[in-house]
PDB file of all heavy atoms in Angstrom:
ATOM      1  N   GLY A   1     -52.302 -20.372   9.800  1.00  0.00           N
ATOM      2  CA  GLY A   1     -52.299 -20.242  11.256  1.00  0.00           C
ATOM      3  C   GLY A   1     -53.544 -19.526  11.729  1.00  0.00           C
ATOM      4  O   GLY A   1     -53.907 -18.473  11.194  1.00  0.00           O
ATOM      5  N   LEU A   2     -54.211 -20.086  12.727  1.00  0.00           N
ATOM      6  CA  LEU A   2     -55.487 -19.534  13.171  1.00  0.00           C
ATOM      7  C   LEU A   2     -55.330 -18.200  13.899  1.00  0.00           C
ATOM      8  O   LEU A   2     -56.262 -17.399  13.931  1.00  0.00           O
ATOM      9  CB  LEU A   2     -56.234 -20.545  14.052  1.00  0.00           C
ATOM     10  CG  LEU A   2     -57.120 -21.546  13.281  1.00  0.00           C
ATOM     11  CD1 LEU A   2     -56.283 -22.448  12.377  1.00  0.00           C
ATOM     12  CD2 LEU A   2     -57.941 -22.392  14.235  1.00  0.00           C
ATOM     13  N   THR A   3     -54.160 -17.953  14.465  1.00  0.00           N
ATOM     14  CA  THR A   3     -53.944 -16.666  15.118  1.00  0.00           C
ATOM     15  C   THR A   3     -53.964 -15.537  14.098  1.00  0.00           C
ATOM     16  O   THR A   3     -54.581 -14.488  14.319  1.00  0.00           O
ATOM     17  CB  THR A   3     -52.610 -16.656  15.887  1.00  0.00           C
ATOM     18  OG1 THR A   3     -52.629 -17.700  16.863  1.00  0.00           O
ATOM     19  CG2 THR A   3     -52.400 -15.326  16.594  1.00  0.00           C
ATOM     20  N   THR A   4     -53.316 -15.755  12.964  1.00  0.00           N
ATOM     21  CA  THR A   4     -53.337 -14.757  11.892  1.00  0.00           C
ATOM     22  C   THR A   4     -54.756 -14.557  11.388  1.00  0.00           C
ATOM     23  O   THR A   4     -55.207 -13.421  11.187  1.00  0.00           O
ATOM     24  CB  THR A   4     -52.417 -15.184  10.729  1.00  0.00           C
ATOM     25  OG1 THR A   4     -51.070 -15.231  11.198  1.00  0.00           O
ATOM     26  CG2 THR A   4     -52.510 -14.207   9.566  1.00  0.00           C
ATOM     27  N   ALA A   5     -55.471 -15.661  11.189  1.00  0.00           N
ATOM     28  CA  ALA A   5     -56.857 -15.564  10.720  1.00  0.00           C
ATOM     29  C   ALA A   5     -57.724 -14.809  11.725  1.00  0.00           C
ATOM     30  O   ALA A   5     -58.589 -14.004  11.341  1.00  0.00           O
ATOM     31  CB  ALA A   5     -57.423 -16.970  10.496  1.00  0.00           C
ATOM     32  N   TYR A   6     -57.482 -15.043  13.009  1.00  0.00           N
ATOM     33  CA  TYR A   6     -58.242 -14.359  14.064  1.00  0.00           C
ATOM     34  C   TYR A   6     -57.975 -12.852  14.028  1.00  0.00           C
ATOM     35  O   TYR A   6     -58.920 -12.046  14.097  1.00  0.00           O
ATOM     36  CB  TYR A   6     -57.864 -14.933  15.426  1.00  0.00           C
ATOM     37  CG  TYR A   6     -58.469 -14.190  16.595  1.00  0.00           C
ATOM     38  CD1 TYR A   6     -59.800 -14.403  16.955  1.00  0.00           C
ATOM     39  CD2 TYR A   6     -57.716 -13.280  17.332  1.00  0.00           C
ATOM     40  CE1 TYR A   6     -60.367 -13.720  18.032  1.00  0.00           C
ATOM     41  CE2 TYR A   6     -58.273 -12.597  18.395  1.00  0.00           C
ATOM     42  CZ  TYR A   6     -59.599 -12.820  18.751  1.00  0.00           C
ATOM     43  OH  TYR A   6     -60.153 -12.137  19.806  1.00  0.00           O
ATOM     44  N   ASN A   7     -56.718 -12.462  13.898  1.00  0.00           N
ATOM     45  CA  ASN A   7     -56.382 -11.034  13.872  1.00  0.00           C
ATOM     46  C   ASN A   7     -57.007 -10.339  12.666  1.00  0.00           C
ATOM     47  O   ASN A   7     -57.496  -9.210  12.765  1.00  0.00           O
ATOM     48  CB  ASN A   7     -54.870 -10.849  13.865  1.00  0.00           C
ATOM     49  CG  ASN A   7     -54.234 -11.180  15.199  1.00  0.00           C
ATOM     50  OD1 ASN A   7     -54.857 -11.023  16.242  1.00  0.00           O
ATOM     51  ND2 ASN A   7     -52.997 -11.650  15.187  1.00  0.00           N
ATOM     52  N   ILE A   8     -56.997 -11.014  11.522  1.00  0.00           N
ATOM     53  CA  ILE A   8     -57.619 -10.451  10.321  1.00  0.00           C
ATOM     54  C   ILE A   8     -59.118 -10.321  10.517  1.00  0.00           C
ATOM     55  O   ILE A   8     -59.729  -9.296  10.194  1.00  0.00           O
ATOM     56  CB  ILE A   8     -57.310 -11.330   9.093  1.00  0.00           C
ATOM     57  CG1 ILE A   8     -55.821 -11.255   8.751  1.00  0.00           C
ATOM     58  CG2 ILE A   8     -58.144 -10.908   7.891  1.00  0.00           C
ATOM     59  CD1 ILE A   8     -55.376 -12.246   7.691  1.00  0.00           C
ATOM     60  N   SER A   9     -59.739 -11.361  11.073  1.00  0.00           N
ATOM     61  CA  SER A   9     -61.181 -11.348  11.300  1.00  0.00           C
ATOM     62  C   SER A   9     -61.582 -10.281  12.313  1.00  0.00           C
ATOM     63  O   SER A   9     -62.608  -9.617  12.172  1.00  0.00           O
ATOM     64  CB  SER A   9     -61.639 -12.731  11.782  1.00  0.00           C
ATOM     65  OG  SER A   9     -63.028 -12.745  12.013  1.00  0.00           O
ATOM     66  N   LEU A  10     -60.756 -10.106  13.333  1.00  0.00           N
ATOM     67  CA  LEU A  10     -61.035  -9.115  14.370  1.00  0.00           C
ATOM     68  C   LEU A  10     -61.099  -7.710  13.772  1.00  0.00           C
ATOM     69  O   LEU A  10     -61.991  -6.917  14.105  1.00  0.00           O
ATOM     70  CB  LEU A  10     -59.955  -9.186  15.444  1.00  0.00           C
ATOM     71  CG  LEU A  10     -60.250  -8.573  16.815  1.00  0.00           C
ATOM     72  CD1 LEU A  10     -61.432  -9.267  17.471  1.00  0.00           C
ATOM     73  CD2 LEU A  10     -59.015  -8.680  17.703  1.00  0.00           C
ATOM     74  N   GLN A  11     -60.173  -7.420  12.872  1.00  0.00           N
ATOM     75  CA  GLN A  11     -60.178  -6.110  12.211  1.00  0.00           C
ATOM     76  C   GLN A  11     -61.369  -5.968  11.276  1.00  0.00           C
ATOM     77  O   GLN A  11     -62.047  -4.943  11.261  1.00  0.00           O
ATOM     78  CB  GLN A  11     -58.883  -5.921  11.420  1.00  0.00           C
ATOM     79  CG  GLN A  11     -57.652  -5.738  12.290  1.00  0.00           C
ATOM     80  CD  GLN A  11     -56.405  -5.511  11.458  1.00  0.00           C
ATOM     81  OE1 GLN A  11     -56.472  -5.310  10.246  1.00  0.00           O
ATOM     82  NE2 GLN A  11     -55.254  -5.554  12.094  1.00  0.00           N
ATOM     83  N   ALA A  12     -61.636  -7.023  10.495  1.00  0.00           N
ATOM     84  CA  ALA A  12     -62.733  -6.957   9.518  1.00  0.00           C
ATOM     85  C   ALA A  12     -64.090  -6.848  10.191  1.00  0.00           C
ATOM     86  O   ALA A  12     -65.019  -6.233   9.649  1.00  0.00           O
ATOM     87  CB  ALA A  12     -62.693  -8.192   8.610  1.00  0.00           C
ATOM     88  N   ALA A  13     -64.226  -7.424  11.393  1.00  0.00           N
ATOM     89  CA  ALA A  13     -65.506  -7.404  12.109  1.00  0.00           C
ATOM     90  C   ALA A  13     -65.914  -5.995  12.529  1.00  0.00           C
ATOM     91  O   ALA A  13     -67.100  -5.734  12.758  1.00  0.00           O
ATOM     92  CB  ALA A  13     -65.442  -8.315  13.330  1.00  0.00           C
ATOM     93  N   GLN A  14     -64.941  -5.091  12.600  1.00  0.00           N
ATOM     94  CA  GLN A  14     -65.273  -3.710  12.944  1.00  0.00           C
ATOM     95  C   GLN A  14     -66.141  -3.072  11.870  1.00  0.00           C
ATOM     96  O   GLN A  14     -67.005  -2.247  12.166  1.00  0.00           O
ATOM     97  CB  GLN A  14     -63.993  -2.906  13.153  1.00  0.00           C
ATOM     98  CG  GLN A  14     -63.150  -3.383  14.329  1.00  0.00           C
ATOM     99  CD  GLN A  14     -61.834  -2.627  14.454  1.00  0.00           C
ATOM    100  OE1 GLN A  14     -61.630  -1.619  13.783  1.00  0.00           O
ATOM    101  NE2 GLN A  14     -60.956  -3.098  15.314  1.00  0.00           N
ATOM    102  N   ALA A  15     -65.921  -3.463  10.620  1.00  0.00           N
ATOM    103  CA  ALA A  15     -66.720  -2.939   9.510  1.00  0.00           C
ATOM    104  C   ALA A  15     -67.884  -3.852   9.165  1.00  0.00           C
ATOM    105  O   ALA A  15     -68.884  -3.405   8.605  1.00  0.00           O
ATOM    106  CB  ALA A  15     -65.834  -2.742   8.283  1.00  0.00           C
ATOM    107  N   ASN A  16     -67.759  -5.133   9.514  1.00  0.00           N
ATOM    108  CA  ASN A  16     -68.796  -6.113   9.187  1.00  0.00           C
ATOM    109  C   ASN A  16     -69.098  -6.965  10.416  1.00  0.00           C
ATOM    110  O   ASN A  16     -68.471  -8.010  10.628  1.00  0.00           O
ATOM    111  CB  ASN A  16     -68.329  -6.995   8.024  1.00  0.00           C
ATOM    112  CG  ASN A  16     -69.392  -8.001   7.598  1.00  0.00           C
ATOM    113  OD1 ASN A  16     -70.513  -8.005   8.103  1.00  0.00           O
ATOM    114  ND2 ASN A  16     -69.038  -8.879   6.671  1.00  0.00           N
ATOM    115  N   PRO A  17     -70.051  -6.536  11.265  1.00  0.00           N
ATOM    116  CA  PRO A  17     -70.355  -7.245  12.513  1.00  0.00           C
ATOM    117  C   PRO A  17     -70.739  -8.715  12.321  1.00  0.00           C
ATOM    118  O   PRO A  17     -70.647  -9.499  13.273  1.00  0.00           O
ATOM    119  CB  PRO A  17     -71.520  -6.441  13.099  1.00  0.00           C
ATOM    120  CG  PRO A  17     -71.382  -5.076  12.497  1.00  0.00           C
ATOM    121  CD  PRO A  17     -70.856  -5.311  11.119  1.00  0.00           C
ATOM    122  N   LYS A  18     -71.140  -9.094  11.116  1.00  0.00           N
ATOM    123  CA  LYS A  18     -71.483 -10.500  10.870  1.00  0.00           C
ATOM    124  C   LYS A  18     -70.281 -11.411  11.114  1.00  0.00           C
ATOM    125  O   LYS A  18     -70.447 -12.601  11.391  1.00  0.00           O
ATOM    126  CB  LYS A  18     -71.988 -10.680   9.442  1.00  0.00           C
ATOM    127  CG  LYS A  18     -73.349 -10.041   9.180  1.00  0.00           C
ATOM    128  CD  LYS A  18     -73.814 -10.308   7.758  1.00  0.00           C
ATOM    129  CE  LYS A  18     -75.182  -9.689   7.499  1.00  0.00           C
ATOM    130  NZ  LYS A  18     -75.643  -9.925   6.095  1.00  0.00           N
ATOM    131  N   LEU A  19     -69.079 -10.836  11.000  1.00  0.00           N
ATOM    132  CA  LEU A  19     -67.871 -11.632  11.195  1.00  0.00           C
ATOM    133  C   LEU A  19     -67.560 -11.881  12.663  1.00  0.00           C
ATOM    134  O   LEU A  19     -66.619 -12.597  12.978  1.00  0.00           O
ATOM    135  CB  LEU A  19     -66.679 -10.946  10.522  1.00  0.00           C
ATOM    136  CG  LEU A  19     -66.651 -11.030   8.989  1.00  0.00           C
ATOM    137  CD1 LEU A  19     -65.592 -10.104   8.423  1.00  0.00           C
ATOM    138  CD2 LEU A  19     -66.415 -12.467   8.529  1.00  0.00           C
ATOM    139  N   ASN A  20     -68.350 -11.315  13.566  1.00  0.00           N
ATOM    140  CA  ASN A  20     -68.136 -11.590  14.990  1.00  0.00           C
ATOM    141  C   ASN A  20     -68.284 -13.077  15.287  1.00  0.00           C
ATOM    142  O   ASN A  20     -67.602 -13.622  16.161  1.00  0.00           O
ATOM    143  CB  ASN A  20     -69.117 -10.784  15.848  1.00  0.00           C
ATOM    144  CG  ASN A  20     -68.718  -9.316  15.946  1.00  0.00           C
ATOM    145  OD1 ASN A  20     -67.543  -8.996  15.950  1.00  0.00           O
ATOM    146  ND2 ASN A  20     -69.693  -8.432  16.014  1.00  0.00           N
ATOM    147  N   ALA A  21     -69.178 -13.732  14.557  1.00  0.00           N
ATOM    148  CA  ALA A  21     -69.361 -15.177  14.750  1.00  0.00           C
ATOM    149  C   ALA A  21     -68.095 -15.931  14.363  1.00  0.00           C
ATOM    150  O   ALA A  21     -67.714 -16.915  15.008  1.00  0.00           O
ATOM    151  CB  ALA A  21     -70.545 -15.671  13.915  1.00  0.00           C
ATOM    152  N   VAL A  22     -67.423 -15.463  13.323  1.00  0.00           N
ATOM    153  CA  VAL A  22     -66.164 -16.071  12.893  1.00  0.00           C
ATOM    154  C   VAL A  22     -65.094 -15.843  13.942  1.00  0.00           C
ATOM    155  O   VAL A  22     -64.349 -16.766  14.308  1.00  0.00           O
ATOM    156  CB  VAL A  22     -65.724 -15.484  11.530  1.00  0.00           C
ATOM    157  CG1 VAL A  22     -64.299 -15.915  11.196  1.00  0.00           C
ATOM    158  CG2 VAL A  22     -66.682 -15.917  10.436  1.00  0.00           C
ATOM    159  N   THR A  23     -65.007 -14.614  14.438  1.00  0.00           N
ATOM    160  CA  THR A  23     -64.008 -14.287  15.452  1.00  0.00           C
ATOM    161  C   THR A  23     -64.193 -15.145  16.694  1.00  0.00           C
ATOM    162  O   THR A  23     -63.229 -15.678  17.252  1.00  0.00           O
ATOM    163  CB  THR A  23     -64.108 -12.792  15.826  1.00  0.00           C
ATOM    164  OG1 THR A  23     -63.943 -12.004  14.639  1.00  0.00           O
ATOM    165  CG2 THR A  23     -63.039 -12.412  16.822  1.00  0.00           C
ATOM    166  N   ASP A  24     -65.438 -15.307  17.125  1.00  0.00           N
ATOM    167  CA  ASP A  24     -65.728 -16.127  18.307  1.00  0.00           C
ATOM    168  C   ASP A  24     -65.339 -17.582  18.065  1.00  0.00           C
ATOM    169  O   ASP A  24     -64.778 -18.250  18.954  1.00  0.00           O
ATOM    170  CB  ASP A  24     -67.210 -16.035  18.666  1.00  0.00           C
ATOM    171  CG  ASP A  24     -67.609 -14.651  19.166  1.00  0.00           C
ATOM    172  OD1 ASP A  24     -66.714 -13.879  19.546  1.00  0.00           O
ATOM    173  OD2 ASP A  24     -68.826 -14.352  19.169  1.00  0.00           O
ATOM    174  N   MET A  25     -65.645 -18.079  16.879  1.00  0.00           N
ATOM    175  CA  MET A  25     -65.320 -19.471  16.543  1.00  0.00           C
ATOM    176  C   MET A  25     -63.810 -19.686  16.556  1.00  0.00           C
ATOM    177  O   MET A  25     -63.299 -20.656  17.137  1.00  0.00           O
ATOM    178  CB  MET A  25     -65.902 -19.815  15.175  1.00  0.00           C
ATOM    179  CG  MET A  25     -65.571 -21.209  14.650  1.00  0.00           C
ATOM    180  SD  MET A  25     -64.051 -21.258  13.661  1.00  0.00           S
ATOM    181  CE  MET A  25     -64.551 -20.311  12.213  1.00  0.00           C
ATOM    182  N   LEU A  26     -63.069 -18.775  15.933  1.00  0.00           N
ATOM    183  CA  LEU A  26     -61.611 -18.905  15.892  1.00  0.00           C
ATOM    184  C   LEU A  26     -60.995 -18.820  17.288  1.00  0.00           C
ATOM    185  O   LEU A  26     -60.042 -19.534  17.605  1.00  0.00           O
ATOM    186  CB  LEU A  26     -61.019 -17.818  14.994  1.00  0.00           C
ATOM    187  CG  LEU A  26     -61.289 -17.966  13.494  1.00  0.00           C
ATOM    188  CD1 LEU A  26     -60.874 -16.700  12.743  1.00  0.00           C
ATOM    189  CD2 LEU A  26     -60.557 -19.177  12.914  1.00  0.00           C
ATOM    190  N   LYS A  27     -61.565 -17.965  18.130  1.00  0.00           N
ATOM    191  CA  LYS A  27     -61.037 -17.815  19.481  1.00  0.00           C
ATOM    192  C   LYS A  27     -61.182 -19.111  20.279  1.00  0.00           C
ATOM    193  O   LYS A  27     -60.314 -19.466  21.089  1.00  0.00           O
ATOM    194  CB  LYS A  27     -61.730 -16.671  20.215  1.00  0.00           C
ATOM    195  CG  LYS A  27     -61.054 -16.307  21.547  1.00  0.00           C
ATOM    196  CD  LYS A  27     -61.659 -15.064  22.159  1.00  0.00           C
ATOM    197  CE  LYS A  27     -60.868 -14.626  23.398  1.00  0.00           C
ATOM    198  NZ  LYS A  27     -60.713 -15.665  24.411  1.00  0.00           N
ATOM    199  N   GLU A  28     -62.262 -19.839  20.057  1.00  0.00           N
ATOM    200  CA  GLU A  28     -62.444 -21.122  20.738  1.00  0.00           C
ATOM    201  C   GLU A  28     -61.322 -22.090  20.374  1.00  0.00           C
ATOM    202  O   GLU A  28     -60.788 -22.803  21.235  1.00  0.00           O
ATOM    203  CB  GLU A  28     -63.801 -21.726  20.375  1.00  0.00           C
ATOM    204  CG  GLU A  28     -64.987 -20.988  20.996  1.00  0.00           C
ATOM    205  CD  GLU A  28     -66.311 -21.648  20.653  1.00  0.00           C
ATOM    206  OE1 GLU A  28     -66.283 -22.791  20.138  1.00  0.00           O
ATOM    207  OE2 GLU A  28     -67.357 -21.027  20.891  1.00  0.00           O
ATOM    208  N   TYR A  29     -60.966 -22.132  19.094  1.00  0.00           N
ATOM    209  CA  TYR A  29     -59.872 -23.000  18.658  1.00  0.00           C
ATOM    210  C   TYR A  29     -58.548 -22.546  19.260  1.00  0.00           C
ATOM    211  O   TYR A  29     -57.750 -23.363  19.744  1.00  0.00           O
ATOM    212  CB  TYR A  29     -59.778 -23.005  17.127  1.00  0.00           C
ATOM    213  CG  TYR A  29     -60.725 -23.970  16.458  1.00  0.00           C
ATOM    214  CD1 TYR A  29     -62.059 -23.630  16.251  1.00  0.00           C
ATOM    215  CD2 TYR A  29     -60.293 -25.227  16.040  1.00  0.00           C
ATOM    216  CE1 TYR A  29     -62.943 -24.501  15.629  1.00  0.00           C
ATOM    217  CE2 TYR A  29     -61.157 -26.118  15.420  1.00  0.00           C
ATOM    218  CZ  TYR A  29     -62.483 -25.755  15.226  1.00  0.00           C
ATOM    219  OH  TYR A  29     -63.345 -26.633  14.621  1.00  0.00           O
ATOM    220  N   ILE A  30     -58.308 -21.239  19.230  1.00  0.00           N
ATOM    221  CA  ILE A  30     -57.052 -20.700  19.752  1.00  0.00           C
ATOM    222  C   ILE A  30     -56.935 -20.963  21.249  1.00  0.00           C
ATOM    223  O   ILE A  30     -55.879 -21.376  21.742  1.00  0.00           O
ATOM    224  CB  ILE A  30     -56.957 -19.190  19.450  1.00  0.00           C
ATOM    225  CG1 ILE A  30     -56.785 -18.983  17.938  1.00  0.00           C
ATOM    226  CG2 ILE A  30     -55.788 -18.551  20.211  1.00  0.00           C
ATOM    227  CD1 ILE A  30     -56.928 -17.538  17.498  1.00  0.00           C
ATOM    228  N   ASP A  31     -58.021 -20.750  21.986  1.00  0.00           N
ATOM    229  CA  ASP A  31     -58.003 -20.985  23.432  1.00  0.00           C
ATOM    230  C   ASP A  31     -57.739 -22.445  23.770  1.00  0.00           C
ATOM    231  O   ASP A  31     -57.198 -22.766  24.831  1.00  0.00           O
ATOM    232  CB  ASP A  31     -59.334 -20.536  24.062  1.00  0.00           C
ATOM    233  CG  ASP A  31     -59.488 -19.024  24.099  1.00  0.00           C
ATOM    234  OD1 ASP A  31     -58.484 -18.318  23.883  1.00  0.00           O
ATOM    235  OD2 ASP A  31     -60.616 -18.543  24.326  1.00  0.00           O
ATOM    236  N   ALA A  32     -58.108 -23.327  22.836  1.00  0.00           N
ATOM    237  CA  ALA A  32     -57.874 -24.762  23.031  1.00  0.00           C
ATOM    238  C   ALA A  32     -56.488 -25.183  22.553  1.00  0.00           C
ATOM    239  O   ALA A  32     -56.138 -26.373  22.603  1.00  0.00           O
ATOM    240  CB  ALA A  32     -58.949 -25.567  22.299  1.00  0.00           C
ATOM    241  N   GLY A  33     -55.695 -24.219  22.095  1.00  0.00           N
ATOM    242  CA  GLY A  33     -54.344 -24.524  21.626  1.00  0.00           C
ATOM    243  C   GLY A  33     -54.294 -25.093  20.219  1.00  0.00           C
ATOM    244  O   GLY A  33     -53.253 -25.588  19.777  1.00  0.00           O
ATOM    245  N   LYS A  34     -55.403 -25.013  19.505  1.00  0.00           N
ATOM    246  CA  LYS A  34     -55.463 -25.547  18.146  1.00  0.00           C
ATOM    247  C   LYS A  34     -55.180 -24.411  17.164  1.00  0.00           C
ATOM    248  O   LYS A  34     -56.088 -23.764  16.653  1.00  0.00           O
ATOM    249  CB  LYS A  34     -56.833 -26.168  17.883  1.00  0.00           C
ATOM    250  CG  LYS A  34     -57.177 -27.310  18.831  1.00  0.00           C
ATOM    251  CD  LYS A  34     -58.589 -27.824  18.596  1.00  0.00           C
ATOM    252  CE  LYS A  34     -58.941 -28.954  19.557  1.00  0.00           C
ATOM    253  NZ  LYS A  34     -60.324 -29.464  19.351  1.00  0.00           N
ATOM    254  N   LEU A  35     -53.900 -24.204  16.880  1.00  0.00           N
ATOM    255  CA  LEU A  35     -53.486 -23.046  16.087  1.00  0.00           C
ATOM    256  C   LEU A  35     -53.188 -23.386  14.634  1.00  0.00           C
ATOM    257  O   LEU A  35     -52.856 -22.504  13.852  1.00  0.00           O
ATOM    258  CB  LEU A  35     -52.244 -22.399  16.719  1.00  0.00           C
ATOM    259  CG  LEU A  35     -52.342 -22.049  18.204  1.00  0.00           C
ATOM    260  CD1 LEU A  35     -51.071 -21.323  18.648  1.00  0.00           C
ATOM    261  CD2 LEU A  35     -53.564 -21.191  18.496  1.00  0.00           C
ATOM    262  N   GLY A  36     -53.299 -24.651  14.281  1.00  0.00           N
ATOM    263  CA  GLY A  36     -53.010 -25.035  12.909  1.00  0.00           C
ATOM    264  C   GLY A  36     -51.883 -26.042  12.818  1.00  0.00           C
ATOM    265  O   GLY A  36     -51.540 -26.708  13.799  1.00  0.00           O
ATOM    266  N   VAL A  37     -51.282 -26.129  11.655  1.00  0.00           N
ATOM    267  CA  VAL A  37     -50.217 -27.109  11.403  1.00  0.00           C
ATOM    268  C   VAL A  37     -49.089 -26.968  12.420  1.00  0.00           C
ATOM    269  O   VAL A  37     -48.525 -27.963  12.891  1.00  0.00           O
ATOM    270  CB  VAL A  37     -49.664 -26.943   9.969  1.00  0.00           C
ATOM    271  CG1 VAL A  37     -48.471 -27.870   9.745  1.00  0.00           C
ATOM    272  CG2 VAL A  37     -50.752 -27.229   8.936  1.00  0.00           C
ATOM    273  N   ALA A  38     -48.762 -25.738  12.772  1.00  0.00           N
ATOM    274  CA  ALA A  38     -47.620 -25.479  13.666  1.00  0.00           C
ATOM    275  C   ALA A  38     -47.756 -26.168  15.018  1.00  0.00           C
ATOM    276  O   ALA A  38     -46.755 -26.534  15.636  1.00  0.00           O
ATOM    277  CB  ALA A  38     -47.442 -23.978  13.866  1.00  0.00           C
ATOM    278  N   THR A  39     -49.000 -26.362  15.502  1.00  0.00           N
ATOM    279  CA  THR A  39     -49.204 -26.994  16.809  1.00  0.00           C
ATOM    280  C   THR A  39     -49.718 -28.430  16.688  1.00  0.00           C
ATOM    281  O   THR A  39     -50.024 -29.062  17.695  1.00  0.00           O
ATOM    282  CB  THR A  39     -50.193 -26.178  17.665  1.00  0.00           C
ATOM    283  OG1 THR A  39     -51.440 -26.046  16.969  1.00  0.00           O
ATOM    284  CG2 THR A  39     -49.629 -24.791  17.966  1.00  0.00           C
ATOM    285  N   GLY A  40     -49.828 -28.923  15.467  1.00  0.00           N
ATOM    286  CA  GLY A  40     -50.271 -30.301  15.270  1.00  0.00           C
ATOM    287  C   GLY A  40     -51.770 -30.464  15.171  1.00  0.00           C
ATOM    288  O   GLY A  40     -52.267 -31.555  14.871  1.00  0.00           O
ATOM    289  N   GLU A  41     -52.507 -29.388  15.397  1.00  0.00           N
ATOM    290  CA  GLU A  41     -53.964 -29.455  15.256  1.00  0.00           C
ATOM    291  C   GLU A  41     -54.526 -28.059  15.074  1.00  0.00           C
ATOM    292  O   GLU A  41     -54.100 -27.097  15.714  1.00  0.00           O
ATOM    293  CB  GLU A  41     -54.619 -30.107  16.473  1.00  0.00           C
ATOM    294  CG  GLU A  41     -56.128 -30.296  16.310  1.00  0.00           C
ATOM    295  CD  GLU A  41     -56.775 -31.094  17.437  1.00  0.00           C
ATOM    296  OE1 GLU A  41     -56.034 -31.514  18.358  1.00  0.00           O
ATOM    297  OE2 GLU A  41     -58.001 -31.287  17.394  1.00  0.00           O
ATOM    298  N   GLY A  42     -55.459 -27.970  14.150  1.00  0.00           N
ATOM    299  CA  GLY A  42     -56.228 -26.756  13.939  1.00  0.00           C
ATOM    300  C   GLY A  42     -57.638 -27.221  13.626  1.00  0.00           C
ATOM    301  O   GLY A  42     -58.314 -27.798  14.474  1.00  0.00           O
ATOM    302  N   PHE A  43     -58.053 -27.018  12.388  1.00  0.00           N
ATOM    303  CA  PHE A  43     -59.325 -27.593  11.956  1.00  0.00           C
ATOM    304  C   PHE A  43     -59.156 -29.083  11.648  1.00  0.00           C
ATOM    305  O   PHE A  43     -60.115 -29.847  11.643  1.00  0.00           O
ATOM    306  CB  PHE A  43     -59.855 -26.846  10.732  1.00  0.00           C
ATOM    307  CG  PHE A  43     -60.271 -25.432  11.030  1.00  0.00           C
ATOM    308  CD1 PHE A  43     -59.501 -24.367  10.603  1.00  0.00           C
ATOM    309  CD2 PHE A  43     -61.411 -25.178  11.769  1.00  0.00           C
ATOM    310  CE1 PHE A  43     -59.876 -23.064  10.889  1.00  0.00           C
ATOM    311  CE2 PHE A  43     -61.794 -23.877  12.066  1.00  0.00           C
ATOM    312  CZ  PHE A  43     -61.025 -22.817  11.631  1.00  0.00           C
ATOM    313  N   TYR A  44     -57.910 -29.493  11.387  1.00  0.00           N
ATOM    314  CA  TYR A  44     -57.566 -30.891  11.160  1.00  0.00           C
ATOM    315  C   TYR A  44     -56.449 -31.284  12.117  1.00  0.00           C
ATOM    316  O   TYR A  44     -55.790 -30.432  12.719  1.00  0.00           O
ATOM    317  CB  TYR A  44     -57.085 -31.101   9.713  1.00  0.00           C
ATOM    318  CG  TYR A  44     -58.131 -30.877   8.654  1.00  0.00           C
ATOM    319  CD1 TYR A  44     -58.276 -29.630   8.042  1.00  0.00           C
ATOM    320  CD2 TYR A  44     -58.971 -31.903   8.247  1.00  0.00           C
ATOM    321  CE1 TYR A  44     -59.234 -29.415   7.066  1.00  0.00           C
ATOM    322  CE2 TYR A  44     -59.937 -31.712   7.260  1.00  0.00           C
ATOM    323  CZ  TYR A  44     -60.067 -30.458   6.679  1.00  0.00           C
ATOM    324  OH  TYR A  44     -61.019 -30.259   5.706  1.00  0.00           O
ATOM    325  N   LYS A  45     -56.206 -32.592  12.231  1.00  0.00           N
ATOM    326  CA  LYS A  45     -55.107 -33.090  13.047  1.00  0.00           C
ATOM    327  C   LYS A  45     -53.954 -33.496  12.134  1.00  0.00           C
ATOM    328  O   LYS A  45     -54.172 -34.091  11.072  1.00  0.00           O
ATOM    329  CB  LYS A  45     -55.570 -34.292  13.892  1.00  0.00           C
ATOM    330  CG  LYS A  45     -56.569 -33.917  14.978  1.00  0.00           C
ATOM    331  CD  LYS A  45     -56.915 -35.134  15.842  1.00  0.00           C
ATOM    332  CE  LYS A  45     -57.882 -34.752  16.964  1.00  0.00           C
ATOM    333  NZ  LYS A  45     -58.220 -35.902  17.832  1.00  0.00           N
TER     334      LYS A  45
END
């Protein structure tokens, strides 16, 4: 689930700012409702 991945990335980015790019990328998917298998689409359909 991308929400879980986002929360993990958000915490990790505090120690590793390079992960901000990951957090931003995941947020775009989440904002589009693409949360993973549970919603029928994430990185795949």
